[in-house]
Amino acid sequence: MKALLNSLTEAELLLVHETKSAQLAALDEDGLVELHTRIRRARNKYMKSYRREASAKVAEYGGRGKARPKNTRNAQKAEVFEDALARVSRHLAVAARRTAAELKAQRLAAAKAQRNEAPPKAVRRPASAPVKPQRKQRPPASAPAMRKRHAGTKAVGARRQAKRDSK
């Protein structure tokens, strides 16, 4: 790993050193997002380069297994940046959770401050006349109108059944 770090360019080495715990602890969430983006770009650069060279060498060597050992430098650089990206991602997740908790506490405090502490006062309705039932009472089943309605319902049912039976 140390030999691989020594093979990095100066800018890449500085980028990897920015992912040490002491430097990450000093960054706020926005700084972590910016660092995360830079490291992800570097990782993607070497992953892309590794894949392109590997696919070009497959035809030359006759297979992926034989071509892989010839393309290790880009793969190792991509691995270094992948590890760095994982470290930054962990710190970024912690910072994001902390910020979310702070924002939630602020929102709850603001809502609590606006809340009315006194219970609502009861509003009395003015006294009114007794409530009348909305529906009139049904006439008794023996009333002529009810007997006529029952007879009509029975006749409709009988006609429907006769229609089914005639088929």
N, C-alpha and C. Protein backbone atom coordinates (compact mmCIF):
# COMPACT_ATOMS: atom_id res chain seq x y z
N MET A 1 0.83 -1.20 0.00
CA MET A 1 0.00 0.00 0.00
C MET A 1 0.87 1.25 0.00
N LYS A 2 1.96 1.22 0.77
CA LYS A 2 2.83 2.38 0.86
C LYS A 2 3.50 2.66 -0.49
N ALA A 3 3.92 1.57 -1.18
CA ALA A 3 4.54 1.74 -2.49
C ALA A 3 3.54 2.34 -3.46
N LEU A 4 2.30 1.93 -3.34
CA LEU A 4 1.27 2.46 -4.23
C LEU A 4 1.01 3.93 -3.93
N LEU A 5 1.00 4.31 -2.66
CA LEU A 5 0.82 5.73 -2.32
C LEU A 5 1.97 6.56 -2.86
N ASN A 6 3.17 6.00 -2.87
CA ASN A 6 4.32 6.73 -3.41
C ASN A 6 4.24 6.88 -4.92
N SER A 7 3.49 6.03 -5.57
CA SER A 7 3.38 6.12 -7.03
C SER A 7 2.32 7.14 -7.46
N LEU A 8 1.53 7.64 -6.51
CA LEU A 8 0.52 8.64 -6.84
C LEU A 8 1.18 9.98 -7.14
N THR A 9 0.52 10.78 -7.95
CA THR A 9 1.04 12.13 -8.20
C THR A 9 0.86 12.95 -6.92
N GLU A 10 1.49 14.11 -6.90
CA GLU A 10 1.44 14.94 -5.69
C GLU A 10 0.00 15.38 -5.38
N ALA A 11 -0.74 15.75 -6.41
CA ALA A 11 -2.13 16.18 -6.21
C ALA A 11 -2.99 15.03 -5.69
N GLU A 12 -2.77 13.83 -6.25
CA GLU A 12 -3.53 12.67 -5.80
C GLU A 12 -3.17 12.30 -4.37
N LEU A 13 -1.90 12.39 -4.04
CA LEU A 13 -1.45 12.08 -2.68
C LEU A 13 -2.07 13.05 -1.67
N LEU A 14 -2.10 14.34 -2.03
CA LEU A 14 -2.73 15.33 -1.14
C LEU A 14 -4.23 15.03 -0.96
N LEU A 15 -4.85 14.60 -2.03
CA LEU A 15 -6.27 14.26 -1.96
C LEU A 15 -6.51 13.08 -1.03
N VAL A 16 -5.65 12.08 -1.10
CA VAL A 16 -5.77 10.91 -0.22
C VAL A 16 -5.48 11.30 1.22
N HIS A 17 -4.50 12.19 1.43
CA HIS A 17 -4.17 12.61 2.80
C HIS A 17 -5.28 13.46 3.42
N GLU A 18 -6.10 14.08 2.59
CA GLU A 18 -7.24 14.84 3.12
C GLU A 18 -8.29 13.93 3.74
N THR A 19 -8.20 12.64 3.50
CA THR A 19 -9.20 11.70 4.03
C THR A 19 -8.79 11.09 5.36
N LYS A 20 -7.72 11.56 5.95
CA LYS A 20 -7.33 11.07 7.28
C LYS A 20 -8.33 11.61 8.30
N SER A 21 -8.48 10.88 9.38
CA SER A 21 -9.51 11.21 10.38
C SER A 21 -9.38 12.62 10.93
N ALA A 22 -8.17 13.07 11.18
CA ALA A 22 -7.98 14.41 11.76
C ALA A 22 -8.49 15.49 10.80
N GLN A 23 -8.18 15.34 9.52
CA GLN A 23 -8.63 16.33 8.55
C GLN A 23 -10.15 16.24 8.33
N LEU A 24 -10.68 15.03 8.34
CA LEU A 24 -12.12 14.87 8.13
C LEU A 24 -12.92 15.43 9.30
N ALA A 25 -12.38 15.31 10.51
CA ALA A 25 -13.09 15.81 11.69
C ALA A 25 -13.21 17.33 11.66
N ALA A 26 -12.26 17.99 11.01
CA ALA A 26 -12.27 19.45 10.95
C ALA A 26 -13.27 20.00 9.93
N LEU A 27 -13.73 19.16 9.01
CA LEU A 27 -14.62 19.62 7.94
C LEU A 27 -16.08 19.60 8.38
N ASP A 28 -16.84 20.57 7.85
CA ASP A 28 -18.28 20.56 8.08
C ASP A 28 -18.94 19.75 6.97
N GLU A 29 -20.25 19.70 6.98
CA GLU A 29 -20.96 18.84 6.02
C GLU A 29 -20.72 19.29 4.58
N ASP A 30 -20.73 20.59 4.33
CA ASP A 30 -20.50 21.07 2.96
C ASP A 30 -19.09 20.74 2.48
N GLY A 31 -18.11 20.88 3.36
CA GLY A 31 -16.74 20.52 3.01
C GLY A 31 -16.61 19.04 2.71
N LEU A 32 -17.31 18.23 3.48
CA LEU A 32 -17.28 16.78 3.25
C LEU A 32 -17.92 16.42 1.91
N VAL A 33 -19.00 17.10 1.57
CA VAL A 33 -19.65 16.84 0.28
C VAL A 33 -18.71 17.19 -0.87
N GLU A 34 -18.02 18.31 -0.74
CA GLU A 34 -17.08 18.74 -1.79
C GLU A 34 -15.92 17.76 -1.91
N LEU A 35 -15.38 17.31 -0.79
CA LEU A 35 -14.28 16.33 -0.80
C LEU A 35 -14.77 15.00 -1.37
N HIS A 36 -15.95 14.59 -1.00
CA HIS A 36 -16.54 13.35 -1.51
C HIS A 36 -16.63 13.40 -3.04
N THR A 37 -17.05 14.53 -3.57
CA THR A 37 -17.17 14.69 -5.02
C THR A 37 -15.81 14.58 -5.69
N ARG A 38 -14.80 15.24 -5.13
CA ARG A 38 -13.46 15.20 -5.73
C ARG A 38 -12.89 13.79 -5.72
N ILE A 39 -13.06 13.07 -4.63
CA ILE A 39 -12.51 11.71 -4.53
C ILE A 39 -13.28 10.77 -5.45
N ARG A 40 -14.59 10.95 -5.54
CA ARG A 40 -15.38 10.10 -6.44
C ARG A 40 -14.94 10.30 -7.89
N ARG A 41 -14.65 11.54 -8.26
CA ARG A 41 -14.17 11.81 -9.63
C ARG A 41 -12.84 11.11 -9.89
N ALA A 42 -11.92 11.18 -8.92
CA ALA A 42 -10.62 10.52 -9.09
C ALA A 42 -10.80 9.01 -9.19
N ARG A 43 -11.64 8.44 -8.37
CA ARG A 43 -11.89 7.00 -8.43
C ARG A 43 -12.48 6.60 -9.78
N ASN A 44 -13.46 7.38 -10.24
CA ASN A 44 -14.09 7.09 -11.53
C ASN A 44 -13.09 7.21 -12.68
N LYS A 45 -12.16 8.16 -12.57
CA LYS A 45 -11.14 8.33 -13.61
C LYS A 45 -10.31 7.06 -13.76
N TYR A 46 -9.85 6.51 -12.65
CA TYR A 46 -9.00 5.32 -12.72
C TYR A 46 -9.80 4.05 -13.01
N MET A 47 -11.05 4.01 -12.59
CA MET A 47 -11.90 2.86 -12.93
C MET A 47 -12.15 2.83 -14.44
N LYS A 48 -12.43 4.00 -15.00
CA LYS A 48 -12.67 4.09 -16.44
C LYS A 48 -11.42 3.71 -17.21
N SER A 49 -10.29 4.24 -16.76
CA SER A 49 -9.02 3.93 -17.43
C SER A 49 -8.71 2.44 -17.34
N TYR A 50 -8.93 1.85 -16.18
CA TYR A 50 -8.68 0.42 -15.99
C TYR A 50 -9.56 -0.41 -16.92
N ARG A 51 -10.82 -0.08 -16.99
CA ARG A 51 -11.75 -0.85 -17.83
C ARG A 51 -11.41 -0.72 -19.31
N ARG A 52 -11.05 0.49 -19.73
CA ARG A 52 -10.70 0.68 -21.15
C ARG A 52 -9.45 -0.11 -21.52
N GLU A 53 -8.43 0.00 -20.71
CA GLU A 53 -7.19 -0.74 -21.01
C GLU A 53 -7.42 -2.24 -20.95
N ALA A 54 -8.20 -2.68 -19.99
CA ALA A 54 -8.46 -4.12 -19.87
C ALA A 54 -9.21 -4.64 -21.09
N SER A 55 -10.19 -3.89 -21.55
CA SER A 55 -10.94 -4.36 -22.72
C SER A 55 -10.08 -4.33 -23.97
N ALA A 56 -9.14 -3.38 -24.06
CA ALA A 56 -8.26 -3.32 -25.22
C ALA A 56 -7.26 -4.48 -25.21
N LYS A 57 -6.82 -4.89 -24.03
CA LYS A 57 -5.81 -5.95 -23.93
C LYS A 57 -6.39 -7.34 -24.03
N VAL A 58 -7.70 -7.48 -23.90
CA VAL A 58 -8.32 -8.80 -24.00
C VAL A 58 -8.07 -9.38 -25.39
N ALA A 59 -8.24 -8.54 -26.41
CA ALA A 59 -8.02 -9.02 -27.78
C ALA A 59 -6.56 -9.39 -27.99
N GLU A 60 -5.67 -8.62 -27.39
CA GLU A 60 -4.23 -8.87 -27.56
C GLU A 60 -3.78 -10.16 -26.86
N TYR A 61 -4.26 -10.40 -25.65
CA TYR A 61 -3.80 -11.55 -24.86
C TYR A 61 -4.73 -12.76 -24.98
N GLY A 62 -5.90 -12.57 -25.54
CA GLY A 62 -6.78 -13.70 -25.78
C GLY A 62 -7.73 -14.04 -24.65
N GLY A 63 -7.82 -13.23 -23.62
CA GLY A 63 -8.76 -13.50 -22.53
C GLY A 63 -8.59 -12.51 -21.40
N ARG A 64 -9.63 -12.38 -20.60
CA ARG A 64 -9.56 -11.42 -19.48
C ARG A 64 -8.57 -11.86 -18.42
N GLY A 65 -8.50 -13.16 -18.18
CA GLY A 65 -7.59 -13.67 -17.15
C GLY A 65 -6.14 -13.37 -17.44
N LYS A 66 -5.74 -13.48 -18.70
CA LYS A 66 -4.35 -13.20 -19.07
C LYS A 66 -4.08 -11.70 -19.14
N ALA A 67 -5.09 -10.92 -19.48
CA ALA A 67 -4.91 -9.48 -19.64
C ALA A 67 -4.90 -8.74 -18.31
N ARG A 68 -5.50 -9.32 -17.27
CA ARG A 68 -5.63 -8.62 -15.99
C ARG A 68 -4.29 -8.26 -15.34
N PRO A 69 -3.33 -9.16 -15.26
CA PRO A 69 -2.07 -8.79 -14.60
C PRO A 69 -1.32 -7.65 -15.29
N LYS A 70 -1.60 -7.40 -16.53
CA LYS A 70 -0.90 -6.34 -17.26
C LYS A 70 -1.47 -4.96 -16.97
N ASN A 71 -2.56 -4.90 -16.22
CA ASN A 71 -3.26 -3.63 -16.03
C ASN A 71 -3.51 -3.37 -14.54
N THR A 72 -2.55 -3.68 -13.69
CA THR A 72 -2.80 -3.60 -12.25
C THR A 72 -2.65 -2.20 -11.69
N ARG A 73 -1.87 -1.34 -12.30
CA ARG A 73 -1.61 -0.03 -11.71
C ARG A 73 -2.89 0.80 -11.61
N ASN A 74 -3.65 0.85 -12.69
CA ASN A 74 -4.92 1.61 -12.65
C ASN A 74 -5.91 0.98 -11.67
N ALA A 75 -5.93 -0.34 -11.61
CA ALA A 75 -6.84 -1.01 -10.67
C ALA A 75 -6.45 -0.70 -9.23
N GLN A 76 -5.16 -0.67 -8.94
CA GLN A 76 -4.71 -0.37 -7.58
C GLN A 76 -4.99 1.08 -7.21
N LYS A 77 -4.79 1.99 -8.17
CA LYS A 77 -5.10 3.40 -7.89
C LYS A 77 -6.60 3.57 -7.64
N ALA A 78 -7.40 2.88 -8.41
CA ALA A 78 -8.85 2.95 -8.20
C ALA A 78 -9.20 2.41 -6.82
N GLU A 79 -8.51 1.37 -6.39
CA GLU A 79 -8.75 0.78 -5.07
C GLU A 79 -8.39 1.77 -3.95
N VAL A 80 -7.28 2.49 -4.12
CA VAL A 80 -6.87 3.49 -3.12
C VAL A 80 -7.96 4.55 -2.99
N PHE A 81 -8.44 5.03 -4.12
CA PHE A 81 -9.48 6.06 -4.07
C PHE A 81 -10.82 5.50 -3.58
N GLU A 82 -11.06 4.24 -3.82
CA GLU A 82 -12.28 3.59 -3.30
C GLU A 82 -12.25 3.56 -1.77
N ASP A 83 -11.10 3.22 -1.20
CA ASP A 83 -10.96 3.22 0.27
C ASP A 83 -11.14 4.63 0.83
N ALA A 84 -10.53 5.61 0.16
CA ALA A 84 -10.65 7.00 0.61
C ALA A 84 -12.11 7.45 0.53
N LEU A 85 -12.78 7.05 -0.53
CA LEU A 85 -14.18 7.41 -0.70
C LEU A 85 -15.05 6.80 0.41
N ALA A 86 -14.74 5.59 0.80
CA ALA A 86 -15.48 4.94 1.88
C ALA A 86 -15.31 5.70 3.19
N ARG A 87 -14.09 6.14 3.47
CA ARG A 87 -13.84 6.91 4.71
C ARG A 87 -14.64 8.21 4.71
N VAL A 88 -14.59 8.92 3.59
CA VAL A 88 -15.31 10.19 3.51
C VAL A 88 -16.82 9.96 3.59
N SER A 89 -17.30 8.90 2.96
CA SER A 89 -18.74 8.60 2.99
C SER A 89 -19.22 8.35 4.42
N ARG A 90 -18.42 7.62 5.20
CA ARG A 90 -18.80 7.36 6.60
C ARG A 90 -18.89 8.67 7.38
N HIS A 91 -17.89 9.53 7.23
CA HIS A 91 -17.92 10.81 7.96
C HIS A 91 -19.07 11.69 7.47
N LEU A 92 -19.34 11.65 6.18
CA LEU A 92 -20.44 12.44 5.63
C LEU A 92 -21.78 11.96 6.17
N ALA A 93 -21.95 10.67 6.30
CA ALA A 93 -23.20 10.12 6.84
C ALA A 93 -23.40 10.56 8.28
N VAL A 94 -22.33 10.53 9.07
CA VAL A 94 -22.43 10.97 10.47
C VAL A 94 -22.80 12.45 10.54
N ALA A 95 -22.14 13.26 9.70
CA ALA A 95 -22.42 14.69 9.70
C ALA A 95 -23.85 14.97 9.25
N ALA A 96 -24.32 14.24 8.27
CA ALA A 96 -25.69 14.44 7.78
C ALA A 96 -26.71 14.07 8.85
N ARG A 97 -26.47 12.98 9.56
CA ARG A 97 -27.39 12.59 10.65
C ARG A 97 -27.39 13.65 11.76
N ARG A 98 -26.21 14.16 12.07
CA ARG A 98 -26.11 15.17 13.12
C ARG A 98 -26.87 16.43 12.71
N THR A 99 -26.69 16.87 11.47
CA THR A 99 -27.38 18.06 10.98
C THR A 99 -28.89 17.85 10.96
N ALA A 100 -29.32 16.67 10.54
CA ALA A 100 -30.75 16.37 10.51
C ALA A 100 -31.34 16.41 11.92
N ALA A 101 -30.62 15.89 12.89
CA ALA A 101 -31.11 15.91 14.27
C ALA A 101 -31.20 17.35 14.79
N GLU A 102 -30.21 18.18 14.45
CA GLU A 102 -30.24 19.58 14.88
C GLU A 102 -31.43 20.31 14.25
N LEU A 103 -31.65 20.09 12.97
CA LEU A 103 -32.77 20.75 12.29
C LEU A 103 -34.11 20.30 12.88
N LYS A 104 -34.21 19.02 13.19
CA LYS A 104 -35.45 18.51 13.78
C LYS A 104 -35.69 19.16 15.14
N ALA A 105 -34.63 19.28 15.94
CA ALA A 105 -34.77 19.90 17.26
C ALA A 105 -35.19 21.37 17.12
N GLN A 106 -34.63 22.07 16.13
CA GLN A 106 -35.01 23.46 15.91
C GLN A 106 -36.48 23.58 15.50
N ARG A 107 -36.92 22.70 14.60
CA ARG A 107 -38.31 22.75 14.16
C ARG A 107 -39.26 22.46 15.32
N LEU A 108 -38.91 21.46 16.14
CA LEU A 108 -39.77 21.13 17.28
C LEU A 108 -39.82 22.27 18.29
N ALA A 109 -38.68 22.92 18.51
CA ALA A 109 -38.64 24.05 19.45
C ALA A 109 -39.49 25.21 18.92
N ALA A 110 -39.40 25.47 17.62
CA ALA A 110 -40.20 26.55 17.03
C ALA A 110 -41.69 26.23 17.11
N ALA A 111 -42.04 24.99 16.86
CA ALA A 111 -43.45 24.59 16.93
C ALA A 111 -43.96 24.67 18.36
N LYS A 112 -43.12 24.31 19.31
CA LYS A 112 -43.52 24.35 20.72
C LYS A 112 -43.71 25.79 21.17
N ALA A 113 -42.87 26.69 20.69
CA ALA A 113 -42.98 28.10 21.07
C ALA A 113 -44.26 28.72 20.51
N GLN A 114 -44.68 28.29 19.35
CA GLN A 114 -45.88 28.85 18.74
C GLN A 114 -47.16 28.25 19.30
N ARG A 115 -47.04 27.11 19.92
CA ARG A 115 -48.22 26.40 20.40
C ARG A 115 -48.91 27.20 21.50
N ASN A 116 -50.22 27.21 21.49
CA ASN A 116 -51.01 27.90 22.51
C ASN A 116 -51.03 27.03 23.75
N GLU A 117 -50.55 27.55 24.85
CA GLU A 117 -50.47 26.77 26.09
C GLU A 117 -51.82 26.68 26.81
N ALA A 118 -52.68 27.69 26.65
CA ALA A 118 -53.97 27.68 27.35
C ALA A 118 -54.94 26.76 26.63
N PRO A 119 -55.76 26.04 27.38
CA PRO A 119 -56.73 25.16 26.71
C PRO A 119 -57.79 26.01 26.01
N PRO A 120 -58.36 25.52 24.95
CA PRO A 120 -59.38 26.30 24.23
C PRO A 120 -60.61 26.50 25.11
N LYS A 121 -61.22 27.67 24.98
CA LYS A 121 -62.40 27.97 25.78
C LYS A 121 -63.62 27.36 25.12
N ALA A 122 -64.51 26.85 25.95
CA ALA A 122 -65.73 26.22 25.44
C ALA A 122 -66.68 27.31 24.95
N VAL A 123 -67.26 27.07 23.80
CA VAL A 123 -68.22 28.02 23.24
C VAL A 123 -69.61 27.45 23.47
N ARG A 124 -70.45 28.25 24.13
CA ARG A 124 -71.81 27.79 24.41
C ARG A 124 -72.71 28.15 23.25
N ARG A 125 -73.55 27.18 22.91
CA ARG A 125 -74.54 27.45 21.87
C ARG A 125 -75.75 28.11 22.53
N PRO A 126 -76.37 28.98 21.80
CA PRO A 126 -77.57 29.60 22.39
C PRO A 126 -78.68 28.56 22.51
N ALA A 127 -79.47 28.71 23.55
CA ALA A 127 -80.58 27.77 23.77
C ALA A 127 -81.57 27.92 22.62
N SER A 128 -81.98 26.82 22.08
CA SER A 128 -82.91 26.86 20.95
C SER A 128 -84.12 25.98 21.25
N ALA A 129 -85.04 26.01 20.33
CA ALA A 129 -86.25 25.21 20.49
C ALA A 129 -85.87 23.73 20.42
N PRO A 130 -86.68 22.87 20.98
CA PRO A 130 -86.37 21.44 20.92
C PRO A 130 -86.21 20.99 19.47
N VAL A 131 -85.32 20.08 19.28
CA VAL A 131 -85.01 19.59 17.94
C VAL A 131 -86.12 18.68 17.47
N LYS A 132 -86.59 18.95 16.25
CA LYS A 132 -87.64 18.12 15.67
C LYS A 132 -86.98 16.98 14.91
N PRO A 133 -87.58 15.82 14.93
CA PRO A 133 -87.00 14.73 14.13
C PRO A 133 -87.11 15.08 12.65
N GLN A 134 -86.08 14.76 11.88
CA GLN A 134 -86.07 15.11 10.47
C GLN A 134 -87.02 14.25 9.66
N ARG A 135 -87.21 13.02 10.09
CA ARG A 135 -88.06 12.10 9.35
C ARG A 135 -89.34 11.85 10.13
N LYS A 136 -90.40 11.83 9.41
CA LYS A 136 -91.68 11.53 10.07
C LYS A 136 -91.71 10.06 10.41
N GLN A 137 -92.55 9.73 11.37
CA GLN A 137 -92.69 8.33 11.73
C GLN A 137 -93.39 7.59 10.62
N ARG A 138 -93.02 6.33 10.44
CA ARG A 138 -93.65 5.51 9.40
C ARG A 138 -95.10 5.23 9.77
N PRO A 139 -95.90 5.19 8.74
CA PRO A 139 -97.29 4.78 9.02
C PRO A 139 -97.32 3.30 9.36
N PRO A 140 -98.28 2.85 10.10
CA PRO A 140 -98.34 1.42 10.45
C PRO A 140 -98.50 0.57 9.20
N ALA A 141 -98.04 -0.67 9.29
CA ALA A 141 -98.08 -1.59 8.15
C ALA A 141 -99.50 -1.87 7.69
N SER A 142 -100.46 -1.64 8.55
CA SER A 142 -101.86 -1.92 8.18
C SER A 142 -102.49 -0.74 7.43
N ALA A 143 -101.78 0.36 7.29
CA ALA A 143 -102.33 1.52 6.60
C ALA A 143 -102.49 1.19 5.12
N PRO A 144 -103.52 1.73 4.46
CA PRO A 144 -103.76 1.41 3.05
C PRO A 144 -102.56 1.70 2.13
N ALA A 145 -101.84 2.79 2.39
CA ALA A 145 -100.70 3.13 1.53
C ALA A 145 -99.60 2.08 1.64
N MET A 146 -99.35 1.58 2.84
CA MET A 146 -98.31 0.56 3.03
C MET A 146 -98.71 -0.76 2.41
N ARG A 147 -100.02 -1.11 2.53
CA ARG A 147 -100.49 -2.36 1.91
C ARG A 147 -100.33 -2.30 0.40
N LYS A 148 -100.59 -1.13 -0.19
CA LYS A 148 -100.47 -0.97 -1.63
C LYS A 148 -99.00 -1.09 -2.05
N ARG A 149 -98.08 -0.50 -1.27
CA ARG A 149 -96.66 -0.56 -1.59
C ARG A 149 -96.16 -1.99 -1.53
N HIS A 150 -96.54 -2.74 -0.49
CA HIS A 150 -96.11 -4.14 -0.37
C HIS A 150 -96.63 -4.97 -1.53
N ALA A 151 -97.88 -4.72 -1.94
CA ALA A 151 -98.46 -5.47 -3.06
C ALA A 151 -97.70 -5.18 -4.35
N GLY A 152 -97.34 -3.92 -4.57
CA GLY A 152 -96.59 -3.56 -5.78
C GLY A 152 -95.22 -4.22 -5.80
N THR A 153 -94.53 -4.25 -4.65
CA THR A 153 -93.21 -4.88 -4.57
C THR A 153 -93.31 -6.36 -4.86
N LYS A 154 -94.34 -7.01 -4.31
CA LYS A 154 -94.52 -8.45 -4.56
C LYS A 154 -94.80 -8.70 -6.03
N ALA A 155 -95.60 -7.83 -6.66
CA ALA A 155 -95.95 -8.01 -8.07
C ALA A 155 -94.72 -7.87 -8.96
N VAL A 156 -93.86 -6.91 -8.64
CA VAL A 156 -92.62 -6.72 -9.43
C VAL A 156 -91.76 -7.96 -9.31
N GLY A 157 -91.63 -8.49 -8.12
CA GLY A 157 -90.83 -9.70 -7.92
C GLY A 157 -91.41 -10.88 -8.67
N ALA A 158 -92.75 -11.00 -8.66
CA ALA A 158 -93.40 -12.12 -9.35
C ALA A 158 -93.21 -12.01 -10.85
N ARG A 159 -93.29 -10.79 -11.39
CA ARG A 159 -93.08 -10.60 -12.83
C ARG A 159 -91.65 -10.94 -13.23
N ARG A 160 -90.70 -10.54 -12.41
CA ARG A 160 -89.29 -10.83 -12.68
C ARG A 160 -89.05 -12.34 -12.69
N GLN A 161 -89.60 -13.02 -11.73
CA GLN A 161 -89.44 -14.48 -11.64
C GLN A 161 -90.11 -15.17 -12.82
N ALA A 162 -91.32 -14.69 -13.22
CA ALA A 162 -92.03 -15.28 -14.35
C ALA A 162 -91.23 -15.12 -15.63
N LYS A 163 -90.56 -13.98 -15.77
CA LYS A 163 -89.73 -13.74 -16.95
C LYS A 163 -88.58 -14.73 -17.00
N ARG A 164 -87.94 -14.99 -15.86
CA ARG A 164 -86.84 -15.96 -15.81
C ARG A 164 -87.34 -17.37 -16.11
N ASP A 165 -88.51 -17.69 -15.56
CA ASP A 165 -89.04 -19.05 -15.73
C ASP A 165 -89.43 -19.33 -17.18
N SER A 166 -89.84 -18.29 -17.92
CA SER A 166 -90.30 -18.50 -19.30
C SER A 166 -89.14 -18.74 -20.26
N LYS A 167 -87.95 -18.50 -19.86
CA LYS A 167 -86.79 -18.67 -20.76
C LYS A 167 -86.38 -20.10 -20.85
